[in-house]
Amino acid sequence: MSEEIEIKFIVHSGAVSTLAERVSAGGGVHTPPQRLINIYFETAGLDLRHHGIGLRIRGNNDRYEMTAKTAGKVIGGLHQHPEYNIPVSGPELNLSLLPAEIWPVGTDIKDLQNQLKPLFRTDYRREKWVVEFGDSEIEVAFDRGDVVAGELLEPICELELELLQGNTADLLAYAQTLTAEGGLRLGSLSKAARGYHLAEGNPPREVRALPLLRANPKATVEQGLSEALSLALAHWQYHEEIWLRGVAPSRDAILTAFTLIRETFVVMGNMIPRKATTHLRALLADLSPLIARADCDPQVLCYEAAYLQCKLALTSWLILSGWQKSIDDDGRRKLNGSFKRFSDITLSRCAAELKVAFGRALSPEEYLQQLPRLERRIMAFHLLSGAYPTQKVLSYILHWQALEQAILLPGTNDVEHMRRQAVTQPGFWRSVNRR
């Protein structure tokens, strides 16, 4: 078993002609393009996918390899997956060669193998370089071809950076060296994920509501910080993908992710010095108005250098715990405290702040002045309320969102009604804690 750690870039068609030259500028050992065919297997009930397992056979000339990838994680465009690679004599599965512990308890291996059938395949040409960077060895692979499921297909045009040996910091730093010319964006969907989607008939992807952060009940504040930024990045990545596929409302969801990131920095502000997030906040501030422009074309913006550099900087800061360089002993002690306790205290403060801000009837101008504060506090509720019953939390948030919408709609008569409903509701965290 090995852990695959890689960064995946999607390459814009306009950058293809110069990509090899860009990568070759860093030196390394070059391998000319070779054709790779991967066949992915599944049961009729998609049992492997439900257990977070991907199973394929790769053919390269007359050599074959069976690979099982188990559940991992994707942060930004950084993919981390445990995987098992077994040489086989031909394009047929032999599950007995894989370790038994990767399968769910009680799995009948022979029965499972009899159920498995080809579901989709990937067919592409791969050009490779192996480069030395810092203390690490990195494989750079440029793939061009297709994901195919039945009559459906989707093009592959990707640049993958895989850490062969060394450390993740070098991998992220090397990725930064490729960003200046643009034409790349971080990709969150693996080839397998796209294949599964095609095999399902390529159903439309829909805009998703921002979920509540569900941190581990025993999470530290630092773990809560990490999970909050991971949630924001995942929300950004998913909606970027569908924005590029023509789902226009997803742009607002990306801006919501930006607000979530900023609010995470705010609520953690008494532990992480402002200087630790200055660069990230500046990048987000520069990018937000570009996304919000009415004439913004995602096929252009999402491949610009500034867009990629912003997301990659945030990914690196999260993966490498960049805040650790700036905190003192008191901040470190607070970050090691209970995220649940921190959330309860901060929820009370956020609610009290909103009740002061909206404790009386305001003029239309005053309501608009308070709108940014309201938006940020709603984000704080999403970050801090995951330990409580969903319906209670969403009902509480819904009242503040209704006030936000009433303020945004000129001429409405509902503002005062919404304000009174929002400020008079009890805090859900207090009623639960008193039980």
Protein backbone atom coordinates (compact mmCIF):
# COMPACT_ATOMS: atom_id res chain seq x y z
CA MET A 1 0.00 0.00 0.00
CA SER A 2 1.15 3.53 -0.74
CA GLU A 3 -0.46 6.92 -0.31
CA GLU A 4 -0.93 8.84 -3.52
CA ILE A 5 -0.43 12.57 -2.97
CA GLU A 6 -0.96 14.65 -6.07
CA ILE A 7 -2.10 18.02 -7.33
CA LYS A 8 -4.39 17.98 -10.32
CA PHE A 9 -4.60 20.88 -12.78
CA ILE A 10 -7.16 21.16 -15.57
CA VAL A 11 -5.43 22.62 -18.64
CA HIS A 12 -7.16 25.20 -20.84
CA SER A 13 -7.05 24.37 -24.54
CA GLY A 14 -5.20 27.62 -25.19
CA ALA A 15 -2.33 26.58 -22.92
CA VAL A 16 -1.74 23.12 -24.39
CA SER A 17 0.75 24.19 -27.07
CA THR A 18 3.20 25.72 -24.57
CA LEU A 19 2.66 23.37 -21.63
CA ALA A 20 5.44 20.92 -22.41
CA GLU A 21 7.88 23.81 -22.79
CA ARG A 22 6.73 25.29 -19.49
CA VAL A 23 7.27 22.02 -17.62
CA SER A 24 10.55 21.21 -19.39
CA ALA A 25 11.98 24.55 -18.26
CA GLY A 26 12.36 23.00 -14.80
CA GLY A 27 14.52 20.17 -16.14
CA GLY A 28 13.92 16.56 -15.19
CA VAL A 29 13.82 13.19 -16.92
CA HIS A 30 11.34 13.15 -19.81
CA THR A 31 9.26 10.21 -21.03
CA PRO A 32 7.55 10.59 -24.42
CA PRO A 33 3.76 10.17 -24.63
CA GLN A 34 2.40 6.67 -24.10
CA ARG A 35 -1.15 5.44 -24.48
CA LEU A 36 -2.86 4.30 -21.27
CA ILE A 37 -6.22 2.53 -21.15
CA ASN A 38 -7.93 2.17 -17.78
CA ILE A 39 -11.01 0.01 -17.25
CA TYR A 40 -13.00 0.73 -14.08
CA PHE A 41 -15.11 -2.03 -12.55
CA GLU A 42 -18.26 -1.90 -10.45
CA THR A 43 -21.21 -3.98 -9.29
CA ALA A 44 -24.73 -3.29 -10.50
CA GLY A 45 -25.48 -1.63 -7.15
CA LEU A 46 -22.29 0.49 -7.15
CA ASP A 47 -21.14 -1.26 -3.98
CA LEU A 48 -17.49 -0.28 -4.38
CA ARG A 49 -18.31 3.39 -4.71
CA HIS A 50 -20.57 3.26 -1.65
CA HIS A 51 -17.58 1.99 0.34
CA GLY A 52 -15.18 4.59 -1.08
CA ILE A 53 -13.25 2.10 -3.23
CA GLY A 54 -12.18 2.55 -6.83
CA LEU A 55 -11.01 -0.47 -8.80
CA ARG A 56 -9.35 -0.44 -12.21
CA ILE A 57 -7.01 -2.28 -14.52
CA ARG A 58 -4.51 -0.18 -16.47
CA GLY A 59 -3.05 -1.37 -19.74
CA ASN A 60 0.19 0.04 -21.13
CA ASN A 61 1.38 -1.86 -24.21
CA ASP A 62 1.42 -5.50 -23.00
CA ARG A 63 1.75 -4.65 -19.31
CA TYR A 64 -1.21 -4.58 -16.94
CA GLU A 65 -1.69 -3.34 -13.40
CA MET A 66 -4.67 -3.72 -11.07
CA THR A 67 -5.21 -0.76 -8.73
CA ALA A 68 -7.55 -0.34 -5.78
CA LYS A 69 -7.91 3.16 -4.35
CA THR A 70 -9.59 3.55 -0.99
CA ALA A 71 -11.33 6.60 0.44
CA GLY A 72 -9.10 9.63 0.74
CA LYS A 73 -9.64 13.36 0.73
CA VAL A 74 -9.46 16.28 -1.66
CA ILE A 75 -8.52 19.76 -0.41
CA GLY A 76 -8.44 22.41 -3.10
CA GLY A 77 -6.75 20.50 -5.90
CA LEU A 78 -4.60 18.32 -3.61
CA HIS A 79 -5.70 14.68 -3.71
CA GLN A 80 -4.60 12.15 -1.06
CA HIS A 81 -5.61 8.51 -1.48
CA PRO A 82 -4.28 5.22 -0.10
CA GLU A 83 -3.82 2.87 -3.07
CA TYR A 84 -2.72 -0.67 -3.85
CA ASN A 85 -1.01 -1.46 -7.17
CA ILE A 86 -0.65 -5.10 -8.24
CA PRO A 87 0.91 -6.29 -11.54
CA VAL A 88 -1.37 -8.76 -13.36
CA SER A 89 -0.88 -10.87 -16.47
CA GLY A 90 -3.80 -9.49 -18.46
CA PRO A 91 -6.87 -7.24 -18.37
CA GLU A 92 -8.76 -9.52 -15.96
CA LEU A 93 -9.42 -8.92 -12.28
CA ASN A 94 -7.96 -11.10 -9.55
CA LEU A 95 -9.21 -9.72 -6.25
CA SER A 96 -7.39 -12.41 -4.28
CA LEU A 97 -4.14 -10.51 -4.94
CA LEU A 98 -5.40 -7.49 -2.98
CA PRO A 99 -5.20 -7.36 0.83
CA ALA A 100 -8.39 -8.57 2.52
CA GLU A 101 -8.54 -5.57 4.88
CA ILE A 102 -9.50 -3.12 2.14
CA TRP A 103 -12.92 -4.76 1.76
CA PRO A 104 -15.89 -4.31 4.12
CA VAL A 105 -16.06 -6.90 6.91
CA GLY A 106 -17.73 -10.10 5.75
CA THR A 107 -17.12 -9.55 2.03
CA ASP A 108 -17.13 -12.75 -0.02
CA ILE A 109 -14.25 -12.03 -2.43
CA LYS A 110 -15.24 -14.64 -5.02
CA ASP A 111 -18.84 -13.48 -5.02
CA LEU A 112 -17.75 -9.84 -5.34
CA GLN A 113 -15.48 -10.63 -8.28
CA ASN A 114 -18.34 -12.42 -10.05
CA GLN A 115 -20.51 -9.31 -9.66
CA LEU A 116 -17.96 -6.86 -11.05
CA LYS A 117 -18.34 -5.61 -14.61
CA PRO A 118 -16.64 -2.82 -16.60
CA LEU A 119 -18.51 0.45 -15.93
CA PHE A 120 -16.43 3.04 -17.79
CA ARG A 121 -12.94 3.55 -19.14
CA THR A 122 -10.37 6.25 -19.65
CA ASP A 123 -8.27 6.35 -22.80
CA TYR A 124 -5.50 8.94 -22.98
CA ARG A 125 -1.89 9.62 -23.87
CA ARG A 126 0.44 10.48 -20.98
CA GLU A 127 3.66 12.47 -21.31
CA LYS A 128 5.84 12.48 -18.17
CA TRP A 129 8.69 14.29 -16.50
CA VAL A 130 10.34 13.40 -13.20
CA VAL A 131 11.77 16.53 -11.59
CA GLU A 132 13.79 17.24 -8.47
CA PHE A 133 12.48 20.14 -6.43
CA GLY A 134 13.70 21.05 -2.96
CA ASP A 135 14.16 17.76 -1.13
CA SER A 136 11.56 15.95 -3.20
CA GLU A 137 11.05 13.98 -6.37
CA ILE A 138 7.89 14.84 -8.31
CA GLU A 139 6.32 13.17 -11.33
CA VAL A 140 4.64 15.59 -13.73
CA ALA A 141 2.16 13.89 -16.06
CA PHE A 142 0.29 15.56 -18.92
CA ASP A 143 -2.78 13.53 -19.94
CA ARG A 144 -4.92 14.10 -23.05
CA GLY A 145 -7.80 11.84 -24.06
CA ASP A 146 -11.33 10.91 -22.94
CA VAL A 147 -13.41 9.42 -20.17
CA VAL A 148 -15.94 7.11 -21.83
CA ALA A 149 -19.12 5.52 -20.43
CA GLY A 150 -21.33 3.91 -23.04
CA GLU A 151 -22.18 6.55 -25.63
CA LEU A 152 -21.11 9.42 -23.37
CA LEU A 153 -17.64 10.89 -23.14
CA GLU A 154 -15.84 13.82 -21.57
CA PRO A 155 -12.42 15.12 -22.61
CA ILE A 156 -9.34 14.76 -20.42
CA CYS A 157 -6.77 17.54 -20.48
CA GLU A 158 -4.94 17.44 -17.17
CA LEU A 159 -1.58 18.07 -15.60
CA GLU A 160 -0.94 15.94 -12.52
CA LEU A 161 1.90 16.49 -10.08
CA GLU A 162 2.50 13.39 -7.96
CA LEU A 163 4.86 13.29 -5.00
CA LEU A 164 7.12 10.27 -5.54
CA GLN A 165 9.24 10.96 -2.50
CA GLY A 166 9.84 13.92 -0.21
CA ASN A 167 7.33 16.28 1.36
CA THR A 168 4.04 17.95 0.53
CA ALA A 169 5.48 21.44 1.06
CA ASP A 170 7.80 20.92 -1.92
CA LEU A 171 4.92 19.64 -4.04
CA LEU A 172 2.85 22.74 -3.29
CA ALA A 173 5.81 25.05 -3.86
CA TYR A 174 6.57 23.42 -7.21
CA ALA A 175 2.93 23.84 -8.21
CA GLN A 176 3.26 27.57 -7.56
CA THR A 177 6.12 27.76 -10.08
CA LEU A 178 3.71 26.72 -12.86
CA THR A 179 1.04 29.34 -12.18
CA ALA A 180 2.48 32.58 -13.57
CA GLU A 181 1.48 32.06 -17.22
CA GLY A 182 -2.13 31.09 -16.47
CA GLY A 183 -4.06 28.49 -18.43
CA LEU A 184 -4.39 26.13 -15.45
CA ARG A 185 -6.94 25.64 -12.70
CA LEU A 186 -7.06 23.27 -9.75
CA GLY A 187 -9.24 20.24 -10.45
CA SER A 188 -11.26 18.55 -7.70
CA LEU A 189 -12.86 15.83 -9.83
CA SER A 190 -10.79 12.74 -10.52
CA LYS A 191 -11.08 10.84 -13.78
CA ALA A 192 -12.99 8.17 -11.87
CA ALA A 193 -15.45 10.70 -10.42
CA ARG A 194 -16.18 11.98 -13.92
CA GLY A 195 -16.56 8.42 -15.19
CA TYR A 196 -19.09 7.54 -12.51
CA HIS A 197 -21.07 10.68 -13.34
CA LEU A 198 -21.16 9.77 -17.03
CA ALA A 199 -22.17 6.19 -16.19
CA GLU A 200 -25.15 7.62 -14.30
CA GLY A 201 -26.28 9.33 -17.50
CA ASN A 202 -24.46 12.64 -16.90
CA PRO A 203 -27.30 14.20 -14.84
CA PRO A 204 -27.23 17.99 -14.37
CA ARG A 205 -25.25 19.18 -11.36
CA GLU A 206 -27.22 21.55 -9.15
CA VAL A 207 -26.30 24.43 -6.86
CA ARG A 208 -25.96 23.26 -3.25
CA ALA A 209 -26.87 25.16 -0.12
CA LEU A 210 -23.98 25.86 2.21
CA PRO A 211 -23.98 23.02 4.75
CA LEU A 212 -23.36 23.34 8.46
CA LEU A 213 -19.85 22.51 9.62
CA ARG A 214 -20.01 19.09 11.30
CA ALA A 215 -16.83 18.93 13.34
CA ASN A 216 -15.92 15.92 15.47
CA PRO A 217 -17.55 16.33 18.92
CA LYS A 218 -14.09 16.23 20.52
CA ALA A 219 -12.42 18.47 17.93
CA THR A 220 -9.98 21.13 19.03
CA VAL A 221 -10.37 24.71 17.87
CA GLU A 222 -7.50 24.15 15.44
CA GLN A 223 -9.24 21.12 13.98
CA GLY A 224 -12.40 23.19 13.67
CA LEU A 225 -10.43 25.86 11.81
CA SER A 226 -9.05 23.26 9.41
CA GLU A 227 -12.47 21.71 8.80
CA ALA A 228 -14.07 25.13 8.25
CA LEU A 229 -11.57 26.08 5.54
CA SER A 230 -11.87 22.61 3.98
CA LEU A 231 -15.64 23.07 3.86
CA ALA A 232 -15.26 26.47 2.19
CA LEU A 233 -12.78 25.14 -0.36
CA ALA A 234 -15.02 22.18 -1.19
CA HIS A 235 -17.98 24.54 -1.67
CA TRP A 236 -15.83 26.73 -3.93
CA GLN A 237 -14.48 23.80 -5.96
CA TYR A 238 -17.83 22.13 -6.54
CA HIS A 239 -19.51 25.33 -7.69
CA GLU A 240 -16.57 26.35 -9.86
CA GLU A 241 -16.99 23.07 -11.76
CA ILE A 242 -20.66 23.68 -12.46
CA TRP A 243 -20.14 27.41 -13.15
CA LEU A 244 -17.83 26.34 -15.95
CA ARG A 245 -20.57 23.98 -17.16
CA GLY A 246 -23.03 26.85 -17.54
CA VAL A 247 -24.87 26.87 -14.20
CA ALA A 248 -24.88 30.64 -13.69
CA PRO A 249 -26.28 30.76 -10.09
CA SER A 250 -23.23 28.84 -8.90
CA ARG A 251 -21.25 32.09 -9.07
CA ASP A 252 -23.09 33.33 -5.96
CA ALA A 253 -22.19 30.10 -4.19
CA ILE A 254 -18.49 30.75 -4.88
CA LEU A 255 -18.82 34.21 -3.34
CA THR A 256 -20.56 32.58 -0.36
CA ALA A 257 -17.49 30.36 0.05
CA PHE A 258 -15.31 33.49 0.07
CA THR A 259 -17.47 35.00 2.83
CA LEU A 260 -17.14 31.76 4.79
CA ILE A 261 -13.35 31.91 4.53
CA ARG A 262 -13.24 35.53 5.67
CA GLU A 263 -15.58 34.84 8.58
CA THR A 264 -13.42 31.89 9.63
CA PHE A 265 -10.48 34.29 9.86
CA VAL A 266 -12.62 36.71 11.87
CA VAL A 267 -13.94 34.23 14.45
CA MET A 268 -10.42 32.83 14.95
CA GLY A 269 -8.98 36.34 15.18
CA ASN A 270 -8.13 36.27 18.88
CA MET A 271 -5.88 33.23 18.31
CA ILE A 272 -4.40 33.80 14.86
CA PRO A 273 -2.77 37.22 14.30
CA ARG A 274 -4.17 39.30 11.50
CA LYS A 275 -0.77 39.36 9.81
CA ALA A 276 -1.04 35.57 9.31
CA THR A 277 -4.02 36.02 6.98
CA THR A 278 -3.14 39.38 5.37
CA HIS A 279 -1.93 37.87 2.10
CA LEU A 280 -4.88 35.50 1.76
CA ARG A 281 -7.42 38.23 2.54
CA ALA A 282 -5.81 40.49 -0.06
CA LEU A 283 -6.00 37.77 -2.72
CA LEU A 284 -9.68 37.13 -1.93
CA ALA A 285 -10.43 40.86 -1.93
CA ASP A 286 -8.86 41.24 -5.38
CA LEU A 287 -10.68 38.22 -6.81
CA SER A 288 -14.19 38.80 -5.41
CA PRO A 289 -15.13 41.82 -7.59
CA LEU A 290 -13.85 40.03 -10.70
CA ILE A 291 -16.19 37.09 -10.04
CA ALA A 292 -19.09 39.42 -9.23
CA ARG A 293 -18.85 41.37 -12.50
CA ALA A 294 -21.93 40.94 -14.67
CA ASP A 295 -19.80 40.28 -17.76
CA CYS A 296 -17.47 37.79 -16.06
CA ASP A 297 -16.70 34.75 -18.24
CA PRO A 298 -15.72 31.75 -16.09
CA GLN A 299 -13.96 30.13 -19.06
CA VAL A 300 -11.52 33.04 -18.89
CA LEU A 301 -11.37 33.99 -15.21
CA CYS A 302 -11.02 30.46 -13.79
CA TYR A 303 -7.86 29.92 -15.85
CA GLU A 304 -6.18 33.23 -15.01
CA ALA A 305 -3.01 33.22 -12.93
CA ALA A 306 -4.47 35.38 -10.12
CA TYR A 307 -7.43 33.03 -9.69
CA LEU A 308 -5.22 29.95 -9.46
CA GLN A 309 -2.69 31.63 -7.18
CA CYS A 310 -5.43 32.62 -4.74
CA LYS A 311 -6.82 29.09 -4.46
CA LEU A 312 -3.41 27.46 -4.34
CA ALA A 313 -2.22 29.86 -1.62
CA LEU A 314 -5.27 29.04 0.51
CA THR A 315 -4.80 25.30 -0.11
CA SER A 316 -1.14 25.52 0.91
CA TRP A 317 -1.95 27.57 4.03
CA LEU A 318 -4.48 24.94 5.07
CA ILE A 319 -2.47 21.82 4.23
CA LEU A 320 0.72 23.14 5.84
CA SER A 321 -1.03 24.77 8.86
CA GLY A 322 0.41 28.14 7.84
CA TRP A 323 -1.00 29.84 10.94
CA GLN A 324 1.47 27.96 13.14
CA LYS A 325 4.28 30.27 12.04
CA SER A 326 2.55 33.33 13.51
CA ILE A 327 0.88 32.26 16.75
CA ASP A 328 2.32 32.62 20.24
CA ASP A 329 2.01 30.23 23.19
CA ASP A 330 -1.29 31.75 24.28
CA GLY A 331 -2.74 31.36 20.79
CA ARG A 332 -1.48 27.78 20.62
CA ARG A 333 -3.13 27.01 23.97
CA LYS A 334 -6.43 28.43 22.74
CA LEU A 335 -6.24 26.48 19.49
CA ASN A 336 -5.80 23.30 21.52
CA GLY A 337 -9.02 24.03 23.43
CA SER A 338 -12.46 22.53 22.77
CA PHE A 339 -14.07 23.65 19.51
CA LYS A 340 -17.51 22.94 21.00
CA ARG A 341 -16.91 25.25 23.95
CA PHE A 342 -15.40 27.89 21.68
CA SER A 343 -18.44 27.62 19.39
CA ASP A 344 -20.93 28.10 22.25
CA ILE A 345 -19.16 31.21 23.50
CA THR A 346 -18.82 32.67 20.00
CA LEU A 347 -22.45 31.90 19.09
CA SER A 348 -23.58 33.89 22.13
CA ARG A 349 -21.37 36.82 21.11
CA CYS A 350 -22.58 36.76 17.49
CA ALA A 351 -26.22 36.68 18.57
CA ALA A 352 -25.69 39.51 21.04
CA GLU A 353 -23.98 41.58 18.35
CA LEU A 354 -26.92 41.13 15.97
CA LYS A 355 -29.46 41.97 18.67
CA VAL A 356 -27.64 45.23 19.35
CA ALA A 357 -27.36 46.03 15.64
CA PHE A 358 -31.03 45.25 14.94
CA GLY A 359 -32.53 45.91 18.36
CA ARG A 360 -34.59 48.83 17.05
CA ALA A 361 -36.28 49.90 13.85
CA LEU A 362 -33.71 51.27 11.41
CA SER A 363 -33.89 53.57 8.44
CA PRO A 364 -33.37 52.02 4.98
CA GLU A 365 -29.85 53.47 4.91
CA GLU A 366 -29.04 52.03 8.34
CA TYR A 367 -30.29 48.60 7.31
CA LEU A 368 -27.99 48.65 4.30
CA GLN A 369 -25.08 49.70 6.50
CA GLN A 370 -25.67 46.68 8.74
CA LEU A 371 -26.01 44.24 5.84
CA PRO A 372 -22.32 43.16 5.70
CA ARG A 373 -22.37 42.48 9.45
CA LEU A 374 -25.51 40.36 9.06
CA GLU A 375 -24.00 38.37 6.19
CA ARG A 376 -20.85 37.63 8.20
CA ARG A 377 -22.75 36.54 11.30
CA ILE A 378 -24.92 34.18 9.24
CA MET A 379 -21.68 32.60 8.04
CA ALA A 380 -20.54 32.30 11.67
CA PHE A 381 -23.71 30.37 12.50
CA HIS A 382 -22.89 27.91 9.70
CA LEU A 383 -19.39 27.47 11.11
CA LEU A 384 -20.28 27.06 14.76
CA SER A 385 -23.63 25.28 14.96
CA GLY A 386 -22.87 21.76 13.74
CA ALA A 387 -23.16 20.19 17.19
CA TYR A 388 -26.86 21.02 17.47
CA PRO A 389 -30.06 19.60 15.91
CA THR A 390 -30.16 20.60 12.27
CA GLN A 391 -33.76 21.76 12.23
CA LYS A 392 -33.29 24.08 15.20
CA VAL A 393 -30.18 25.58 13.67
CA LEU A 394 -31.65 26.05 10.20
CA SER A 395 -34.80 27.61 11.63
CA TYR A 396 -32.68 30.10 13.58
CA ILE A 397 -30.53 30.94 10.55
CA LEU A 398 -33.59 31.17 8.29
CA HIS A 399 -35.01 34.07 10.30
CA TRP A 400 -31.80 36.08 9.88
CA GLN A 401 -31.65 35.17 6.17
CA ALA A 402 -35.24 36.34 5.78
CA LEU A 403 -34.24 39.70 7.26
CA GLU A 404 -31.26 39.84 4.90
CA GLN A 405 -33.52 39.23 1.89
CA ALA A 406 -36.05 41.81 3.07
CA ILE A 407 -33.28 44.43 3.28
CA LEU A 408 -32.10 43.54 -0.23
CA LEU A 409 -35.57 43.96 -1.74
CA PRO A 410 -36.32 47.70 -2.06
CA GLY A 411 -39.85 48.75 -1.22
CA THR A 412 -40.74 45.67 0.83
CA ASN A 413 -42.96 46.09 3.88
CA ASP A 414 -41.60 42.97 5.56
CA VAL A 415 -38.38 44.35 7.02
CA GLU A 416 -39.77 45.29 10.43
CA HIS A 417 -41.65 42.02 10.77
CA MET A 418 -38.54 40.02 9.85
CA ARG A 419 -36.38 42.09 12.20
CA ARG A 420 -38.66 41.44 15.20
CA GLN A 421 -38.86 37.73 14.46
CA ALA A 422 -35.08 37.43 14.15
CA VAL A 423 -34.09 39.34 17.29
CA THR A 424 -36.69 37.71 19.58
CA GLN A 425 -35.86 34.07 18.82
CA PRO A 426 -34.04 32.18 21.60
CA GLY A 427 -30.55 30.85 21.07
CA PHE A 428 -30.76 27.15 20.18
CA TRP A 429 -27.41 26.49 21.90
CA ARG A 430 -28.76 27.76 25.22
CA SER A 431 -31.94 25.66 25.19
CA VAL A 432 -29.99 22.49 24.36
CA ASN A 433 -27.32 23.15 27.01
CA ARG A 434 -29.92 23.60 29.75
CA ARG A 435 -31.32 20.09 29.30
